[in-house]
Protein backbone atom coordinates (compact mmCIF):
# COMPACT_ATOMS: atom_id res chain seq x y z
CA HIS A 1 -5.65 -7.77 -16.48
CA TYR A 2 -4.47 -5.54 -14.06
CA ILE A 3 -3.29 -7.71 -11.22
CA ASP A 4 -1.28 -9.60 -13.89
CA VAL A 5 0.40 -6.35 -14.96
CA PHE A 6 0.87 -5.15 -11.52
CA ARG A 7 2.11 -8.60 -10.22
CA LYS A 8 4.72 -8.44 -13.42
CA ALA A 9 5.61 -5.45 -13.07
CA SER A 10 6.58 -5.51 -8.95
CA LYS A 11 8.92 -8.22 -10.17
CA ASP A 12 10.52 -6.06 -13.01
CA PRO A 13 14.04 -5.31 -11.31
CA ARG A 14 14.03 -1.80 -13.65
CA VAL A 15 10.65 -1.14 -11.48
CA GLN A 16 12.39 -2.67 -8.16
CA LYS A 17 15.19 -0.08 -8.99
CA GLN A 18 13.77 2.78 -9.46
CA MET A 19 11.34 2.21 -6.64
CA GLU A 20 14.07 1.43 -3.85
CA ALA A 21 15.74 4.97 -5.44
CA LYS A 22 12.80 6.56 -4.11
CA GLY A 23 12.84 4.55 -0.78
CA THR A 24 9.42 2.87 -1.82
CA ASP A 25 9.38 -0.99 -1.21
CA ILE A 26 7.07 -3.13 -2.92
CA VAL A 27 5.03 -5.45 -1.64
CA PHE A 28 2.52 -6.84 -4.28
CA MET A 29 -0.82 -8.03 -3.04
CA ALA A 30 -4.61 -9.05 -4.42
CA GLY A 31 -7.78 -9.95 -3.88
CA ALA A 32 -8.61 -11.13 -0.06
CA GLU A 33 -5.39 -10.45 1.06
CA TYR A 34 -5.27 -6.48 -0.60
CA GLY A 35 -8.49 -5.93 1.23
CA ARG A 36 -7.33 -6.83 4.48
CA PHE A 37 -4.30 -5.04 4.53
CA MET A 38 -6.00 -1.84 3.22
CA ASP A 39 -8.96 -2.42 6.37
CA GLN A 40 -6.13 -2.99 8.45
CA ASN A 41 -3.81 0.36 7.31
CA PHE A 42 -6.97 2.56 7.09
CA ALA A 43 -8.36 2.05 10.43
CA ARG A 44 -4.48 2.36 12.08
CA LEU A 45 -3.91 5.73 9.78
CA LYS A 46 -7.77 7.01 10.91
CA LYS A 47 -6.65 6.43 14.57
CA LEU A 48 -3.35 8.42 14.18
CA ALA A 49 -5.44 11.41 12.59
CA ILE A 50 -8.21 11.49 14.98
CA ASP A 51 -5.08 11.90 17.54
CA ILE A 52 -2.89 14.23 16.31
CA GLY A 53 -6.32 16.32 15.65
CA MET A 54 -6.33 16.07 12.17
CA TYR A 55 -9.52 14.30 11.70
CA LYS A 56 -12.45 14.88 14.28
CA GLY A 57 -13.47 11.49 13.30
CA LYS A 58 -16.63 9.59 14.46
C-alpha cells in the first residue's frame, strides 16, 4: 500500500514542484532496487564519517 502511495506522490506535479523548490531530487525506488541503493549509500557515508573523524567505526 505505501509503495503505491509514494510512487503516486513522486509523480504528482505539486510534490515535484515543492521538492524542486527545496533543491531535492525525487527518484522513486522500491524493493531490491531501494535495498541496493541503501547498502551502497550507507557504505559510502560510513567511510566518509570515518575519514572526517565523526565516527570511529569498526
